[in-house]
Protein backbone atom coordinates (compact mmCIF):
# COMPACT_ATOMS: atom_id res chain seq x y z
CA MET A 1 76.44 81.22 89.84
CA GLN A 2 73.52 82.65 87.82
CA GLN A 3 71.06 80.43 89.69
CA LEU A 4 72.57 81.46 93.02
CA GLU A 5 72.06 85.14 92.18
CA LEU A 6 68.47 84.39 91.22
CA LEU A 7 67.89 82.70 94.56
CA VAL A 8 69.34 85.74 96.33
CA ASP A 9 67.00 88.01 94.38
CA LEU A 10 64.05 85.80 95.29
CA ALA A 11 65.04 85.92 98.95
CA ILE A 12 65.20 89.72 98.85
CA ALA A 13 61.84 89.82 97.04
CA PHE A 14 60.41 87.54 99.71
CA GLY A 15 61.52 89.94 102.45
CA LEU A 16 60.41 93.12 100.68
CA GLY A 17 57.06 91.60 99.72
CA MET A 18 56.52 90.43 103.29
CA LEU A 19 57.29 93.96 104.53
CA ILE A 20 54.64 95.60 102.36
CA GLY A 21 52.21 92.74 102.86
CA MET A 22 52.38 92.95 106.66
CA GLU A 23 51.58 96.67 106.49
CA ARG A 24 48.56 95.96 104.29
CA GLU A 25 47.52 93.07 106.54
CA ARG A 26 47.55 95.39 109.56
CA SER A 27 45.24 97.79 107.73
CA ALA A 28 42.82 94.89 107.11
CA ASN A 29 42.83 95.47 103.37
CA PRO A 30 40.72 92.84 101.58
CA VAL A 31 42.50 93.11 98.21
CA ALA A 32 45.99 91.85 99.07
CA GLY A 33 47.81 90.90 102.25
CA VAL A 34 51.12 89.48 103.34
CA ARG A 35 51.07 86.36 101.15
CA THR A 36 49.77 88.09 98.02
CA PHE A 37 52.34 90.90 98.12
CA THR A 38 55.14 88.41 98.70
CA LEU A 39 54.05 86.29 95.76
CA ILE A 40 53.63 89.31 93.45
CA THR A 41 57.15 90.55 94.23
CA MET A 42 58.66 87.12 93.68
CA LEU A 43 56.66 86.82 90.44
CA GLY A 44 58.33 90.05 89.27
CA VAL A 45 61.75 88.48 89.87
CA MET A 46 60.89 85.30 87.97
CA ALA A 47 59.26 87.19 85.10
CA GLY A 48 62.32 89.42 84.76
CA ALA A 49 64.71 86.48 84.84
CA LEU A 50 62.69 84.45 82.33
CA SER A 51 62.43 87.47 80.01
CA GLU A 52 66.20 87.52 79.71
CA LEU A 53 66.26 83.82 78.83
CA HIS A 54 63.14 83.22 76.70
CA GLY A 55 61.97 86.57 75.35
CA SER A 56 61.17 90.08 76.54
CA TRP A 57 57.40 89.48 76.11
CA ILE A 58 57.24 87.46 79.36
CA LEU A 59 57.68 90.47 81.67
CA PRO A 60 54.86 92.66 80.27
CA ALA A 61 52.63 89.57 79.98
CA ALA A 62 53.16 88.79 83.65
CA PHE A 63 52.49 92.42 84.55
CA LEU A 64 49.21 92.37 82.63
CA GLY A 65 48.33 89.09 84.36
CA VAL A 66 48.81 90.68 87.80
CA LEU A 67 46.76 93.69 86.67
CA ALA A 68 43.95 91.39 85.47
CA LEU A 69 43.91 89.50 88.77
CA LEU A 70 43.69 92.75 90.74
CA VAL A 71 40.83 94.00 88.56
CA ALA A 72 38.98 90.70 88.95
CA GLY A 73 39.54 90.68 92.70
CA ASN A 74 38.19 94.21 93.02
CA PHE A 75 35.17 93.33 90.89
CA ILE A 76 34.32 90.41 93.16
CA LEU A 77 34.73 92.56 96.30
CA VAL A 78 32.45 95.23 94.87
CA GLU A 79 29.84 92.60 94.02
CA LEU A 80 30.06 91.32 97.61
CA ASP A 81 29.88 94.90 98.91
CA GLN A 82 33.26 94.50 100.63
CA GLY A 83 35.36 96.90 98.57
CA ASP A 84 36.13 100.61 98.85
CA ALA A 85 36.85 103.35 96.36
CA GLY A 86 40.59 103.49 97.06
CA MET A 87 43.22 102.15 94.68
CA THR A 88 46.32 102.48 96.89
CA THR A 89 46.75 98.77 97.54
CA GLU A 90 46.33 97.87 93.88
CA VAL A 91 48.92 100.42 92.75
CA ALA A 92 51.27 99.25 95.50
CA ALA A 93 50.90 95.66 94.29
CA LEU A 94 51.79 96.64 90.73
CA LEU A 95 54.73 98.67 91.99
CA MET A 96 55.99 95.70 94.02
CA PHE A 97 55.88 93.59 90.85
CA THR A 98 58.25 96.12 89.27
CA VAL A 99 60.41 95.93 92.41
CA GLY A 100 60.79 92.23 91.73
CA ALA A 101 61.64 92.96 88.10
CA ALA A 102 64.23 95.51 89.23
CA LEU A 103 65.85 92.85 91.42
CA ALA A 104 66.11 90.56 88.41
CA ALA A 105 67.78 93.42 86.50
CA ASP A 106 70.44 93.70 89.23
CA LEU A 107 68.99 96.97 90.60
CA ARG A 108 68.92 95.82 94.20
CA LEU A 109 69.60 99.21 95.81
CA VAL A 110 66.86 100.87 93.76
CA ALA A 111 64.46 98.04 94.61
CA ALA A 112 65.18 98.26 98.34
CA ILE A 113 64.80 102.05 98.44
CA LEU A 114 61.58 101.89 96.41
CA ALA A 115 60.10 99.23 98.69
CA GLY A 116 61.02 101.29 101.75
CA ALA A 117 59.39 104.37 100.26
CA VAL A 118 56.23 102.40 99.47
CA THR A 119 56.10 101.10 103.06
CA LEU A 120 56.38 104.59 104.49
CA LEU A 121 53.73 106.00 102.15
CA LEU A 122 51.31 103.23 103.09
CA HIS A 123 52.03 103.47 106.80
CA TRP A 124 51.83 107.26 106.97
CA LYS A 125 48.34 107.50 105.51
CA ALA A 126 46.84 109.45 108.41
CA PRO A 127 49.76 111.88 108.92
CA LEU A 128 50.02 112.62 105.20
CA HIS A 129 46.30 113.30 104.94
CA ALA A 130 46.57 115.58 107.98
CA VAL A 131 49.43 117.49 106.33
CA VAL A 132 47.40 118.04 103.16
CA LYS A 133 44.43 119.30 105.17
CA LYS A 134 46.61 121.78 107.10
CA LEU A 135 48.05 123.33 103.94
CA GLY A 136 45.81 126.01 102.51
CA GLU A 137 45.27 127.21 98.95
CA ALA A 138 48.18 129.65 99.14
CA ASP A 139 50.49 126.87 100.34
CA PHE A 140 49.43 124.58 97.49
CA LYS A 141 50.05 127.36 94.98
CA ALA A 142 53.53 127.79 96.47
CA VAL A 143 54.27 124.11 95.84
CA MET A 144 53.02 124.43 92.26
CA ARG A 145 55.28 127.45 91.74
CA LEU A 146 58.21 125.33 92.91
CA VAL A 147 57.24 122.73 90.31
CA LEU A 148 57.21 125.48 87.67
CA ILE A 149 60.58 126.83 88.82
CA GLY A 150 62.31 123.47 89.09
CA LEU A 151 60.68 121.15 86.57
CA VAL A 152 59.53 123.49 83.79
CA ILE A 153 61.86 126.48 83.65
CA LEU A 154 65.14 124.83 84.73
CA PRO A 155 65.32 122.11 82.02
CA ALA A 156 64.63 124.72 79.31
CA LEU A 157 67.67 126.87 80.15
CA PRO A 158 71.01 126.43 78.32
CA ASP A 159 73.87 124.94 80.35
CA ARG A 160 76.71 127.07 79.00
CA ASN A 161 78.67 130.12 80.10
CA TYR A 162 77.99 133.60 78.74
CA GLY A 163 79.34 137.07 79.36
CA PRO A 164 82.78 138.69 79.13
CA TYR A 165 84.09 136.73 82.12
CA ALA A 166 82.30 133.46 81.31
CA VAL A 167 80.63 133.30 84.73
CA LEU A 168 76.97 133.63 83.72
CA ASN A 169 75.47 130.19 83.15
CA PRO A 170 71.63 130.42 82.94
CA PHE A 171 71.09 126.80 83.94
CA ARG A 172 73.42 126.95 86.95
CA ILE A 173 72.09 130.33 88.06
CA TRP A 174 68.51 129.05 87.99
CA LEU A 175 69.63 125.83 89.69
CA MET A 176 70.71 127.97 92.64
CA VAL A 177 67.24 129.54 92.61
CA VAL A 178 65.69 126.06 92.77
CA LEU A 179 67.99 125.17 95.69
CA ILE A 180 67.12 128.27 97.71
CA VAL A 181 63.38 128.05 97.01
CA THR A 182 63.37 124.36 97.96
CA ILE A 183 65.11 125.00 101.30
CA SER A 184 62.84 127.94 102.08
CA LEU A 185 59.63 126.18 101.02
CA ALA A 186 60.46 123.03 103.02
CA SER A 187 61.09 125.22 106.07
CA TYR A 188 57.86 127.12 105.42
CA VAL A 189 55.85 123.89 105.28
CA ALA A 190 57.50 122.78 108.54
CA TRP A 191 56.56 126.13 110.10
CA ARG A 192 52.96 125.75 108.96
CA LEU A 193 52.80 122.29 110.51
CA PHE A 194 54.77 122.79 113.72
CA GLY A 195 56.25 126.24 114.22
CA ALA A 196 53.22 128.18 115.35
CA ARG A 197 52.66 125.95 118.36
CA LYS A 198 56.16 124.78 119.33
CA GLY A 199 57.37 127.94 121.04
CA ILE A 200 60.16 130.43 120.56
CA LEU A 201 63.01 128.04 119.80
CA LEU A 202 61.50 126.14 116.88
CA SER A 203 59.77 129.21 115.48
CA GLY A 204 63.09 131.06 115.46
CA VAL A 205 64.89 128.18 113.78
CA LEU A 206 62.27 127.84 111.05
CA GLY A 207 62.12 131.61 110.60
CA GLY A 208 65.86 131.63 109.95
CA LEU A 209 65.59 128.81 107.42
CA ILE A 210 62.77 130.56 105.55
CA SER A 211 64.15 134.13 105.66
CA SER A 212 65.84 135.67 108.68
CA THR A 213 65.47 139.17 107.22
CA ALA A 214 61.72 138.74 106.75
CA ALA A 215 61.44 137.28 110.26
CA THR A 216 63.38 140.22 111.71
CA VAL A 217 61.16 142.77 110.02
CA GLY A 218 58.00 140.92 111.12
CA TYR A 219 59.03 140.64 114.77
CA ALA A 220 60.23 144.26 114.82
CA HIS A 221 56.82 145.46 113.62
CA ARG A 222 55.09 143.38 116.31
CA SER A 223 57.29 144.73 119.10
CA LYS A 224 56.33 148.28 118.12
CA ASP A 225 52.66 147.49 118.62
CA ALA A 226 53.20 145.17 121.63
CA PRO A 227 56.27 146.22 123.71
CA ALA A 228 55.60 143.36 126.15
CA HIS A 229 56.65 140.96 123.39
CA ALA A 230 60.02 142.64 122.84
CA ASP A 231 61.99 140.08 124.88
CA GLY A 232 60.53 137.12 123.02
CA ALA A 233 60.93 138.86 119.66
CA ALA A 234 64.60 139.57 120.41
CA ILE A 235 65.29 135.90 121.12
CA MET A 236 63.55 134.79 117.93
CA ILE A 237 65.48 137.32 115.82
CA ILE A 238 68.80 136.22 117.32
CA ILE A 239 67.98 132.52 116.83
CA ALA A 240 66.87 133.15 113.23
CA SER A 241 70.11 135.03 112.57
CA ALA A 242 72.14 132.16 114.00
CA VAL A 243 70.36 129.65 111.79
CA VAL A 244 71.44 131.67 108.75
CA PHE A 245 74.97 130.34 109.24
CA ALA A 246 73.68 126.77 109.41
CA ARG A 247 71.88 127.43 106.13
CA VAL A 248 75.15 128.80 104.73
CA LEU A 249 76.92 125.55 105.64
CA ILE A 250 74.24 123.52 103.86
CA GLU A 251 74.65 125.66 100.73
CA ILE A 252 78.44 125.32 100.79
CA LEU A 253 78.16 121.55 101.17
CA ILE A 254 75.86 121.32 98.15
CA VAL A 255 77.70 123.74 95.85
CA ALA A 256 81.34 123.16 96.85
CA PRO A 257 81.57 119.73 98.51
CA SER A 258 85.29 119.29 97.85
CA ALA A 259 86.08 122.59 99.57
CA PHE A 260 83.58 122.18 102.40
CA GLY A 261 86.17 121.43 105.08
CA SER A 262 88.27 124.53 104.52
CA LEU A 263 85.35 126.80 103.62
CA GLY A 264 82.97 125.53 106.26
CA LEU A 265 85.15 125.39 109.40
CA PRO A 266 85.37 129.16 110.05
CA VAL A 267 81.67 129.50 109.25
CA ALA A 268 80.96 126.68 111.71
CA VAL A 269 82.89 128.59 114.39
CA MET A 270 80.76 131.66 113.66
CA LEU A 271 77.66 129.47 113.88
CA ALA A 272 78.82 128.13 117.26
CA LEU A 273 79.27 131.68 118.54
CA MET A 274 75.81 132.70 117.35
CA CYS A 275 74.30 129.55 118.89
CA ALA A 276 75.96 130.32 122.22
CA ILE A 277 74.57 133.87 122.17
CA SER A 278 71.13 132.53 121.22
CA TYR A 279 71.19 129.87 123.93
CA LEU A 280 72.13 132.34 126.68
CA GLY A 281 69.30 134.64 125.64
CA TRP A 282 66.80 131.81 125.33
CA ARG A 283 67.74 130.30 128.70
CA ARG A 284 67.09 133.61 130.48
CA ARG A 285 63.84 134.39 128.67
CA ARG A 286 62.48 131.08 127.45
CA ASP A 287 59.07 131.91 128.95
CA ALA A 288 58.82 135.23 127.13
CA VAL A 289 55.56 135.80 125.29
CA VAL A 290 55.58 136.46 121.56
CA SER A 291 53.25 135.73 118.69
CA PRO A 292 55.23 134.24 115.79
CA ALA A 293 55.17 136.35 112.63
CA GLU A 294 53.29 134.66 109.79
CA PRO A 295 55.74 134.06 106.92
CA GLU A 296 54.79 134.37 103.29
CA PRO A 297 55.13 131.36 100.94
CA PRO A 298 58.70 131.69 99.60
CA SER A 299 58.30 130.41 96.04
CA ASP A 300 57.05 133.66 94.50
CA ILE A 301 58.07 133.86 90.82
CA LYS A 302 59.03 137.53 91.04
CA GLY A 303 61.16 136.77 94.08
CA ALA A 304 62.83 133.88 92.24
CA ILE A 305 63.64 136.08 89.26
CA GLY A 306 64.90 138.80 91.62
CA PHE A 307 67.21 136.34 93.35
CA ALA A 308 68.49 135.04 90.00
CA LEU A 309 69.33 138.60 88.92
CA LEU A 310 71.00 139.32 92.27
CA TYR A 311 72.99 136.09 92.09
CA ALA A 312 74.09 136.85 88.51
CA ALA A 313 75.03 140.40 89.53
CA VAL A 314 77.14 139.11 92.42
CA LEU A 315 78.88 136.58 90.16
CA LEU A 316 79.66 139.27 87.60
CA GLY A 317 80.59 141.81 90.28
CA VAL A 318 83.03 139.42 91.91
CA ALA A 319 84.60 138.55 88.56
CA VAL A 320 84.98 142.20 87.51
CA THR A 321 86.29 143.28 90.90
CA ARG A 322 88.82 140.46 91.09
CA GLU A 323 90.06 141.20 87.57
CA HIS A 324 90.38 145.01 87.82
CA LEU A 325 90.40 146.06 91.48
CA GLY A 326 92.07 143.16 93.29
CA THR A 327 91.11 140.85 96.11
CA ARG A 328 90.65 143.54 98.76
CA ALA A 329 87.84 145.18 96.82
CA LEU A 330 85.91 141.90 96.88
CA TYR A 331 85.00 142.51 100.50
CA GLY A 332 83.02 145.58 99.48
CA VAL A 333 81.03 143.46 97.03
CA ALA A 334 80.44 140.84 99.74
CA ALA A 335 79.26 143.47 102.24
CA LEU A 336 76.84 145.05 99.76
CA SER A 337 75.49 141.68 98.65
CA GLY A 338 75.09 140.36 102.18
CA LEU A 339 73.12 143.34 103.47
CA THR A 340 69.70 141.91 102.63
CA ASP A 341 70.50 138.36 101.48
CA MET A 342 73.23 135.88 102.44
CA ASP A 343 72.37 133.28 99.83
CA ALA A 344 73.69 135.11 96.77
CA ILE A 345 77.18 135.85 98.15
CA THR A 346 77.42 132.38 99.71
CA LEU A 347 76.45 130.47 96.57
CA SER A 348 78.46 132.63 94.19
CA THR A 349 81.57 132.48 96.36
CA ALA A 350 81.28 128.72 96.89
CA GLN A 351 80.83 128.19 93.16
CA LEU A 352 83.91 130.31 92.34
CA VAL A 353 85.99 128.50 94.96
CA GLN A 354 84.87 125.14 93.57
CA ALA A 355 85.89 126.29 90.09
CA GLY A 356 89.30 127.46 91.35
CA ARG A 357 88.69 131.13 90.57
CA ILE A 358 88.95 132.30 94.20
CA GLU A 359 91.22 131.01 96.92
CA THR A 360 89.56 129.20 99.81
CA GLY A 361 90.84 131.66 102.42
CA THR A 362 89.37 134.56 100.48
CA GLY A 363 86.13 132.66 99.93
CA TRP A 364 85.15 132.02 103.54
CA ARG A 365 86.19 135.55 104.51
CA LEU A 366 83.87 136.97 101.86
CA ILE A 367 81.03 134.84 103.23
CA LEU A 368 81.67 136.00 106.80
CA VAL A 369 81.86 139.65 105.70
CA GLY A 370 78.50 139.18 103.99
CA GLY A 371 77.13 137.60 107.18
CA MET A 372 78.30 140.49 109.35
CA ALA A 373 76.83 143.01 106.89
CA ASN A 374 73.56 141.11 107.14
CA LEU A 375 73.61 141.46 110.94
CA VAL A 376 74.20 145.20 110.61
CA PHE A 377 71.29 145.53 108.18
CA LYS A 378 68.94 143.62 110.50
CA ALA A 379 70.00 145.71 113.48
CA GLY A 380 69.18 148.81 111.44
CA ALA A 381 65.79 147.38 110.50
CA VAL A 382 65.04 146.74 114.18
CA ALA A 383 66.12 150.29 115.08
CA LEU A 384 63.78 151.77 112.47
CA LEU A 385 60.79 149.46 112.85
CA GLY A 386 60.93 147.99 116.34
CA HIS A 387 60.64 148.97 119.98
CA ARG A 388 63.65 150.55 121.68
CA GLN A 389 63.97 147.64 124.12
CA LEU A 390 64.06 145.19 121.21
CA PHE A 391 66.83 147.17 119.52
CA LEU A 392 68.95 147.23 122.69
CA ARG A 393 68.75 143.48 123.14
CA VAL A 394 69.34 142.63 119.48
CA SER A 395 72.15 145.14 118.97
CA ARG A 396 74.08 143.84 122.01
CA ALA A 397 73.91 140.27 120.71
CA PHE A 398 74.82 141.27 117.17
CA ALA A 399 77.72 143.42 118.38
CA ILE A 400 79.26 140.41 120.15
CA ALA A 401 78.78 138.29 117.02
CA ILE A 402 80.34 140.94 114.76
CA ILE A 403 83.37 141.28 117.04
CA GLY A 404 83.80 137.51 116.89
CA GLY A 405 83.41 137.55 113.09
CA VAL A 406 86.00 140.30 112.68
CA ALA A 407 88.41 138.33 114.88
CA LEU A 408 87.91 135.27 112.65
CA VAL A 409 88.53 137.26 109.47
CA LEU A 410 91.71 138.86 110.87
CA PHE A 411 93.30 136.06 112.85
CA TRP A 412 92.04 132.72 111.50
CA PRO A 413 94.90 131.04 109.59
CA GLY A 414 94.59 130.45 105.87
């Protein structure tokens, strides 16, 4: 049986090595091709298997042997003036050796995923280089700030509850910051790559994923200076506001997966209503002219700290209100929290529902109340900052959505 498993691992290594090798063969790489990558991966399997039987020194010795062969091969190519300065193929070859070793250690899923990731990285050389060239200095700094937020600050925070109601956990609060910044930054990168040239629909969707409030303010300012763009700006604001509810569903799924069905269904109905309103507006004015508002990179440290404080305040406010004022007063907290930001009330409510501190029916109603308050705030921002025509179009759409939201809160069962 042990020999049969080894043969299976060798067969998998053969296929994975062939996959990487064919990609390298197509790129006409002189260092290693289809046969070499296949042999290196199978060597990793055999070295791992023999290490278990005859001593752990065999695996690192085989790895060093592969490394020595790659160095010697590169030296010969340089002497023949046939080599280049890149090291991608060599690193991929070493990584495929470890894929073979992982197969021998019964890590087949990890090995398959790793080999697939290597294939994609090698194959997407041109698109990945194009992406890096399109991202400017400010964008790169935003990515580095995400690294600071997620990989430096987060692990240093204590994972325990503090406060009189035991709802303030620094690690979990900052984890929500990492989640929100990651979603927003990924959407921002997508906007930088595609949004500016893909028209109203995609720009509105990405604007909603980054920050619908910021998008609303930006488009409102533009309509004041260019009234001819009011129709297009209205559509983008409505689409961005609809996408907020899709973002809410993603957050609920991540934070409260066991309660997603009961929490998410009413929110999904609200999303469907907003999508219908957006689609009707887009279908009538899909050719409207508007210049997409340039978003700011969303991983600002001050903004992250501000969201963490807001999220902690909402958690504490909900706990205090539920303890001393009753469930009805929670809707006031949700409305105040949702005015400028839906993430804090969504994440805090989902977390409390997951922990059993709030009933599911109360939870999704709080989220919808926060969503409707957010629509009211954005309509007010448009009224103050935008053109009158923009306000009329946005307020009509939002009024229909709010009526639908109120109907859900009052009449949806549960």
